[in-house]
Amino acid sequence: MFSIKRNYALGLLLLIISSCSSIDIFKENTEIPVSRPYTSFVIINQEVGMKEFKSEFIDHQVQIHLQEALEAQGFVYDREKPDLVIRYTSNEDPRKRTTSNYPAPYPYWGYRVWDPWAASSYMNPNYGTKTTSYELLQVIIDFIDPAEDKFLMTLTGVTEVSSPKGKDKKVLKTVDKIIESFLTDLPKRPNSIENS
């Protein structure tokens, strides 16, 4: 009995660990190479009131977070003549996942020895499967050179959100990963935070 409980606890722990999904970054839409440093930027969504997330709160958080993260790296927000134009969008896709093979709640013969199949969940065709809901979340950020009117790149962060409660934090972590990926492609700037 103890080993069944221990195996169940181990299975539950593995399920929790696997639910802490990673954030994958994909790069596309590269029309021109990043060949010069950029010092100023504008966020189109903020300027024209484009809301790209279902939650207005999350949308506002993304705008603030994007601006603060770039300013922390030495960029200046410039509405008039920015070196860099940033536009973001999202794809929030509700999905379901079916998992199988988790431990039986009791041995195959059940607790009712006199009528074993009446108490056994093995007679249930859905035994051993569980359906959970989650959201496949994509945060997509375009980095555009306004002088060339071409994409430097589009970076897409893909992750899973299992609970609406922590969704805003997951979105902001995805934004951080995208900014980190963008900054690795930029030439070093004299006024960057690393050289200050």
C-alpha atoms as a PDB file:
ATOM      1  CA  MET A   1       0.000   0.000   0.000  1.00  0.00           C
ATOM      2  CA  PHE A   2       2.880   2.346   0.863  1.00  0.00           C
ATOM      3  CA  SER A   3       4.573   1.743  -2.517  1.00  0.00           C
ATOM      4  CA  ILE A   4       1.329   2.567  -4.369  1.00  0.00           C
ATOM      5  CA  LYS A   5       1.081   5.898  -2.525  1.00  0.00           C
ATOM      6  CA  ARG A   6       4.758   6.606  -3.189  1.00  0.00           C
ATOM      7  CA  ASN A   7       4.390   5.824  -6.907  1.00  0.00           C
ATOM      8  CA  TYR A   8       1.288   8.033  -7.083  1.00  0.00           C
ATOM      9  CA  ALA A   9       3.157  10.912  -5.380  1.00  0.00           C
ATOM     10  CA  LEU A  10       6.095  10.488  -7.773  1.00  0.00           C
ATOM     11  CA  GLY A  11       3.751  10.532 -10.776  1.00  0.00           C
ATOM     12  CA  LEU A  12       2.067  13.682  -9.470  1.00  0.00           C
ATOM     13  CA  LEU A  13       5.432  15.386  -8.972  1.00  0.00           C
ATOM     14  CA  LEU A  14       6.513  14.551 -12.546  1.00  0.00           C
ATOM     15  CA  LEU A  15       3.209  15.916 -13.849  1.00  0.00           C
ATOM     16  CA  ILE A  16       3.769  19.208 -11.968  1.00  0.00           C
ATOM     17  CA  ILE A  17       7.352  19.506 -13.242  1.00  0.00           C
ATOM     18  CA  SER A  18       6.308  18.822 -16.840  1.00  0.00           C
ATOM     19  CA  SER A  19       3.534  21.428 -16.558  1.00  0.00           C
ATOM     20  CA  CYS A  20       6.182  24.136 -16.012  1.00  0.00           C
ATOM     21  CA  SER A  21       6.520  24.529 -19.745  1.00  0.00           C
ATOM     22  CA  SER A  22       9.471  26.124 -21.433  1.00  0.00           C
ATOM     23  CA  ILE A  23       9.486  29.163 -23.701  1.00  0.00           C
ATOM     24  CA  ASP A  24      10.689  28.582 -27.252  1.00  0.00           C
ATOM     25  CA  ILE A  25      11.775  31.482 -29.482  1.00  0.00           C
ATOM     26  CA  PHE A  26      11.464  31.380 -33.273  1.00  0.00           C
ATOM     27  CA  LYS A  27      12.971  33.920 -35.664  1.00  0.00           C
ATOM     28  CA  GLU A  28      11.447  34.764 -39.054  1.00  0.00           C
ATOM     29  CA  ASN A  29      10.653  37.612 -41.494  1.00  0.00           C
ATOM     30  CA  THR A  30      14.270  38.729 -41.725  1.00  0.00           C
ATOM     31  CA  GLU A  31      14.267  41.097 -44.717  1.00  0.00           C
ATOM     32  CA  ILE A  32      17.455  43.015 -43.931  1.00  0.00           C
ATOM     33  CA  PRO A  33      20.367  42.154 -41.647  1.00  0.00           C
ATOM     34  CA  VAL A  34      20.977  43.989 -38.393  1.00  0.00           C
ATOM     35  CA  SER A  35      24.012  45.950 -39.548  1.00  0.00           C
ATOM     36  CA  ARG A  36      23.959  49.042 -37.345  1.00  0.00           C
ATOM     37  CA  PRO A  37      23.267  49.898 -33.739  1.00  0.00           C
ATOM     38  CA  TYR A  38      19.845  51.253 -32.800  1.00  0.00           C
ATOM     39  CA  THR A  39      19.400  53.900 -30.142  1.00  0.00           C
ATOM     40  CA  SER A  40      15.713  54.880 -30.159  1.00  0.00           C
ATOM     41  CA  PHE A  41      12.402  53.099 -30.605  1.00  0.00           C
ATOM     42  CA  VAL A  42       8.635  53.480 -30.673  1.00  0.00           C
ATOM     43  CA  ILE A  43       5.944  50.914 -29.849  1.00  0.00           C
ATOM     44  CA  ILE A  44       3.229  51.200 -32.497  1.00  0.00           C
ATOM     45  CA  ASN A  45       0.592  49.483 -30.339  1.00  0.00           C
ATOM     46  CA  GLN A  46       1.032  52.122 -27.652  1.00  0.00           C
ATOM     47  CA  GLU A  47       0.820  55.023 -30.084  1.00  0.00           C
ATOM     48  CA  VAL A  48      -2.268  53.968 -32.024  1.00  0.00           C
ATOM     49  CA  GLY A  49      -4.111  52.057 -29.263  1.00  0.00           C
ATOM     50  CA  MET A  50      -3.830  48.569 -30.802  1.00  0.00           C
ATOM     51  CA  LYS A  51      -4.894  45.925 -28.274  1.00  0.00           C
ATOM     52  CA  GLU A  52      -3.503  42.514 -29.176  1.00  0.00           C
ATOM     53  CA  PHE A  53      -4.249  40.443 -26.069  1.00  0.00           C
ATOM     54  CA  LYS A  54      -7.705  39.350 -24.931  1.00  0.00           C
ATOM     55  CA  SER A  55      -6.980  40.872 -21.517  1.00  0.00           C
ATOM     56  CA  GLU A  56      -6.599  44.657 -21.549  1.00  0.00           C
ATOM     57  CA  PHE A  57      -4.567  44.387 -18.338  1.00  0.00           C
ATOM     58  CA  ILE A  58      -2.031  42.020 -19.943  1.00  0.00           C
ATOM     59  CA  ASP A  59      -1.880  44.184 -23.059  1.00  0.00           C
ATOM     60  CA  HIS A  60      -1.052  47.245 -20.959  1.00  0.00           C
ATOM     61  CA  GLN A  61       1.538  45.272 -18.974  1.00  0.00           C
ATOM     62  CA  VAL A  62       3.267  44.194 -22.194  1.00  0.00           C
ATOM     63  CA  GLN A  63       3.531  47.819 -23.388  1.00  0.00           C
ATOM     64  CA  ILE A  64       5.014  48.973 -20.085  1.00  0.00           C
ATOM     65  CA  HIS A  65       7.356  45.980 -19.857  1.00  0.00           C
ATOM     66  CA  LEU A  66       8.640  46.353 -23.426  1.00  0.00           C
ATOM     67  CA  GLN A  67       9.369  50.034 -22.929  1.00  0.00           C
ATOM     68  CA  GLU A  68      11.063  49.621 -19.539  1.00  0.00           C
ATOM     69  CA  ALA A  69      13.165  46.639 -20.678  1.00  0.00           C
ATOM     70  CA  LEU A  70      14.504  48.470 -23.729  1.00  0.00           C
ATOM     71  CA  GLU A  71      15.119  51.699 -21.815  1.00  0.00           C
ATOM     72  CA  ALA A  72      17.090  49.671 -19.257  1.00  0.00           C
ATOM     73  CA  GLN A  73      19.368  48.659 -22.149  1.00  0.00           C
ATOM     74  CA  GLY A  74      20.040  52.298 -23.099  1.00  0.00           C
ATOM     75  CA  PHE A  75      17.348  52.782 -25.755  1.00  0.00           C
ATOM     76  CA  VAL A  76      15.341  56.021 -25.798  1.00  0.00           C
ATOM     77  CA  TYR A  77      11.606  56.154 -26.511  1.00  0.00           C
ATOM     78  CA  ASP A  78      11.112  58.538 -29.463  1.00  0.00           C
ATOM     79  CA  ARG A  79       7.693  59.155 -31.054  1.00  0.00           C
ATOM     80  CA  GLU A  80       9.039  61.482 -33.741  1.00  0.00           C
ATOM     81  CA  LYS A  81      12.126  59.880 -35.354  1.00  0.00           C
ATOM     82  CA  PRO A  82      12.770  56.407 -33.927  1.00  0.00           C
ATOM     83  CA  ASP A  83      15.540  54.171 -35.280  1.00  0.00           C
ATOM     84  CA  LEU A  84      13.408  51.146 -34.528  1.00  0.00           C
ATOM     85  CA  VAL A  85       9.675  50.476 -34.812  1.00  0.00           C
ATOM     86  CA  ILE A  86       8.224  47.726 -32.621  1.00  0.00           C
ATOM     87  CA  ARG A  87       4.855  46.088 -33.080  1.00  0.00           C
ATOM     88  CA  TYR A  88       3.494  43.139 -31.102  1.00  0.00           C
ATOM     89  CA  THR A  89       0.611  40.754 -31.461  1.00  0.00           C
ATOM     90  CA  SER A  90      -0.519  37.534 -29.801  1.00  0.00           C
ATOM     91  CA  ASN A  91      -2.162  34.246 -30.551  1.00  0.00           C
ATOM     92  CA  GLU A  92      -4.049  32.741 -27.606  1.00  0.00           C
ATOM     93  CA  ASP A  93      -5.237  29.294 -28.627  1.00  0.00           C
ATOM     94  CA  PRO A  94      -7.305  27.230 -26.132  1.00  0.00           C
ATOM     95  CA  ARG A  95      -6.500  23.511 -26.366  1.00  0.00           C
ATOM     96  CA  LYS A  96      -7.069  20.211 -24.603  1.00  0.00           C
ATOM     97  CA  ARG A  97      -4.583  17.456 -23.814  1.00  0.00           C
ATOM     98  CA  THR A  98      -5.408  13.850 -23.005  1.00  0.00           C
ATOM     99  CA  THR A  99      -2.938  11.985 -20.829  1.00  0.00           C
ATOM    100  CA  SER A 100      -3.051   8.290 -20.041  1.00  0.00           C
ATOM    101  CA  ASN A 101      -1.534   5.569 -17.888  1.00  0.00           C
ATOM    102  CA  TYR A 102      -1.786   7.037 -14.498  1.00  0.00           C
ATOM    103  CA  PRO A 103      -1.907   4.781 -11.453  1.00  0.00           C
ATOM    104  CA  ALA A 104      -5.019   2.845 -10.609  1.00  0.00           C
ATOM    105  CA  PRO A 105      -6.811   4.065  -7.492  1.00  0.00           C
ATOM    106  CA  TYR A 106      -6.877   0.468  -6.223  1.00  0.00           C
ATOM    107  CA  PRO A 107      -5.832  -3.023  -7.412  1.00  0.00           C
ATOM    108  CA  TYR A 108      -7.530  -4.490 -10.481  1.00  0.00           C
ATOM    109  CA  TRP A 109      -9.802  -6.677  -8.372  1.00  0.00           C
ATOM    110  CA  GLY A 110     -11.172  -3.713  -6.428  1.00  0.00           C
ATOM    111  CA  TYR A 111     -12.088  -3.636  -2.779  1.00  0.00           C
ATOM    112  CA  ARG A 112     -15.326  -5.543  -3.258  1.00  0.00           C
ATOM    113  CA  VAL A 113     -13.883  -9.024  -3.402  1.00  0.00           C
ATOM    114  CA  TRP A 114     -17.334 -10.614  -3.708  1.00  0.00           C
ATOM    115  CA  ASP A 115     -18.071  -8.638  -6.925  1.00  0.00           C
ATOM    116  CA  PRO A 116     -14.650  -7.495  -8.203  1.00  0.00           C
ATOM    117  CA  TRP A 117     -15.711  -5.909 -11.523  1.00  0.00           C
ATOM    118  CA  ALA A 118     -18.448  -3.793  -9.933  1.00  0.00           C
ATOM    119  CA  ALA A 119     -15.863  -1.772  -8.022  1.00  0.00           C
ATOM    120  CA  SER A 120     -13.116  -1.730 -10.622  1.00  0.00           C
ATOM    121  CA  SER A 121     -12.528   1.241 -12.870  1.00  0.00           C
ATOM    122  CA  TYR A 122     -10.922  -1.085 -15.438  1.00  0.00           C
ATOM    123  CA  MET A 123     -14.391  -1.747 -16.801  1.00  0.00           C
ATOM    124  CA  ASN A 124     -14.679   1.984 -17.612  1.00  0.00           C
ATOM    125  CA  PRO A 125     -13.571   2.638 -21.242  1.00  0.00           C
ATOM    126  CA  ASN A 126     -12.162   6.039 -20.149  1.00  0.00           C
ATOM    127  CA  TYR A 127     -10.044   4.498 -17.387  1.00  0.00           C
ATOM    128  CA  GLY A 128      -6.470   5.735 -17.331  1.00  0.00           C
ATOM    129  CA  THR A 129      -7.113   8.900 -19.342  1.00  0.00           C
ATOM    130  CA  LYS A 130      -7.449  12.465 -18.186  1.00  0.00           C
ATOM    131  CA  THR A 131      -8.251  15.540 -20.267  1.00  0.00           C
ATOM    132  CA  THR A 132      -6.829  18.891 -19.192  1.00  0.00           C
ATOM    133  CA  SER A 133      -7.308  22.322 -20.696  1.00  0.00           C
ATOM    134  CA  TYR A 134      -4.433  24.660 -21.460  1.00  0.00           C
ATOM    135  CA  GLU A 135      -3.650  27.572 -23.730  1.00  0.00           C
ATOM    136  CA  LEU A 136      -0.982  27.580 -26.411  1.00  0.00           C
ATOM    137  CA  LEU A 137       0.317  31.131 -26.191  1.00  0.00           C
ATOM    138  CA  GLN A 138       2.301  32.941 -28.859  1.00  0.00           C
ATOM    139  CA  VAL A 139       3.773  36.396 -28.303  1.00  0.00           C
ATOM    140  CA  ILE A 140       4.902  37.828 -31.640  1.00  0.00           C
ATOM    141  CA  ILE A 141       7.077  40.954 -31.841  1.00  0.00           C
ATOM    142  CA  ASP A 142       8.101  42.663 -35.085  1.00  0.00           C
ATOM    143  CA  PHE A 143      11.277  44.737 -35.133  1.00  0.00           C
ATOM    144  CA  ILE A 144      11.184  47.095 -38.128  1.00  0.00           C
ATOM    145  CA  ASP A 145      13.744  49.515 -39.543  1.00  0.00           C
ATOM    146  CA  PRO A 146      11.671  52.609 -40.474  1.00  0.00           C
ATOM    147  CA  ALA A 147      14.400  54.085 -42.690  1.00  0.00           C
ATOM    148  CA  GLU A 148      14.383  50.957 -44.874  1.00  0.00           C
ATOM    149  CA  ASP A 149      10.715  50.157 -44.185  1.00  0.00           C
ATOM    150  CA  LYS A 150      11.717  46.496 -43.799  1.00  0.00           C
ATOM    151  CA  PHE A 151      11.695  43.844 -41.112  1.00  0.00           C
ATOM    152  CA  LEU A 152      14.861  43.323 -39.141  1.00  0.00           C
ATOM    153  CA  MET A 153      13.134  40.275 -37.734  1.00  0.00           C
ATOM    154  CA  THR A 154       9.983  38.849 -36.229  1.00  0.00           C
ATOM    155  CA  LEU A 155      10.512  36.930 -32.998  1.00  0.00           C
ATOM    156  CA  THR A 156       7.800  34.596 -31.752  1.00  0.00           C
ATOM    157  CA  GLY A 157       7.785  33.245 -28.212  1.00  0.00           C
ATOM    158  CA  VAL A 158       5.740  30.070 -27.791  1.00  0.00           C
ATOM    159  CA  THR A 159       4.732  28.606 -24.456  1.00  0.00           C
ATOM    160  CA  GLU A 160       1.840  26.925 -22.670  1.00  0.00           C
ATOM    161  CA  VAL A 161      -0.367  28.454 -20.002  1.00  0.00           C
ATOM    162  CA  SER A 162      -2.164  25.988 -17.761  1.00  0.00           C
ATOM    163  CA  SER A 163      -3.912  28.507 -15.515  1.00  0.00           C
ATOM    164  CA  PRO A 164      -5.304  31.997 -16.185  1.00  0.00           C
ATOM    165  CA  LYS A 165      -3.980  33.022 -12.755  1.00  0.00           C
ATOM    166  CA  GLY A 166      -0.317  33.071 -13.808  1.00  0.00           C
ATOM    167  CA  LYS A 167      -0.849  34.038 -17.432  1.00  0.00           C
ATOM    168  CA  ASP A 168       0.379  37.643 -17.114  1.00  0.00           C
ATOM    169  CA  LYS A 169       3.684  36.489 -15.581  1.00  0.00           C
ATOM    170  CA  LYS A 170       4.164  33.903 -18.336  1.00  0.00           C
ATOM    171  CA  VAL A 171       3.516  36.554 -21.003  1.00  0.00           C
ATOM    172  CA  LEU A 172       6.085  38.931 -19.475  1.00  0.00           C
ATOM    173  CA  LYS A 173       8.681  36.144 -19.206  1.00  0.00           C
ATOM    174  CA  THR A 174       8.102  35.427 -22.886  1.00  0.00           C
ATOM    175  CA  VAL A 175       8.587  39.124 -23.705  1.00  0.00           C
ATOM    176  CA  ASP A 176      11.872  39.066 -21.737  1.00  0.00           C
ATOM    177  CA  LYS A 177      13.099  36.069 -23.735  1.00  0.00           C
ATOM    178  CA  ILE A 178      12.219  37.799 -27.011  1.00  0.00           C
ATOM    179  CA  ILE A 179      14.061  40.993 -26.032  1.00  0.00           C
ATOM    180  CA  GLU A 180      17.070  38.952 -24.918  1.00  0.00           C
ATOM    181  CA  SER A 181      17.103  37.169 -28.287  1.00  0.00           C
ATOM    182  CA  PHE A 182      16.808  40.477 -30.179  1.00  0.00           C
ATOM    183  CA  LEU A 183      19.638  42.092 -28.237  1.00  0.00           C
ATOM    184  CA  THR A 184      22.027  39.242 -29.047  1.00  0.00           C
ATOM    185  CA  ASP A 185      21.675  40.126 -32.749  1.00  0.00           C
ATOM    186  CA  LEU A 186      22.436  43.822 -32.247  1.00  0.00           C
ATOM    187  CA  PRO A 187      25.911  45.324 -32.673  1.00  0.00           C
ATOM    188  CA  LYS A 188      27.288  46.655 -29.391  1.00  0.00           C
ATOM    189  CA  ARG A 189      26.389  50.278 -28.781  1.00  0.00           C
ATOM    190  CA  PRO A 190      28.727  52.747 -27.030  1.00  0.00           C
ATOM    191  CA  ASN A 191      25.986  53.851 -24.637  1.00  0.00           C
ATOM    192  CA  SER A 192      24.750  50.315 -23.856  1.00  0.00           C
ATOM    193  CA  ILE A 193      24.344  49.340 -20.239  1.00  0.00           C
ATOM    194  CA  GLU A 194      27.235  46.837 -20.452  1.00  0.00           C
ATOM    195  CA  ASN A 195      29.712  49.622 -21.245  1.00  0.00           C
ATOM    196  CA  SER A 196      28.428  52.139 -18.732  1.00  0.00           C
END
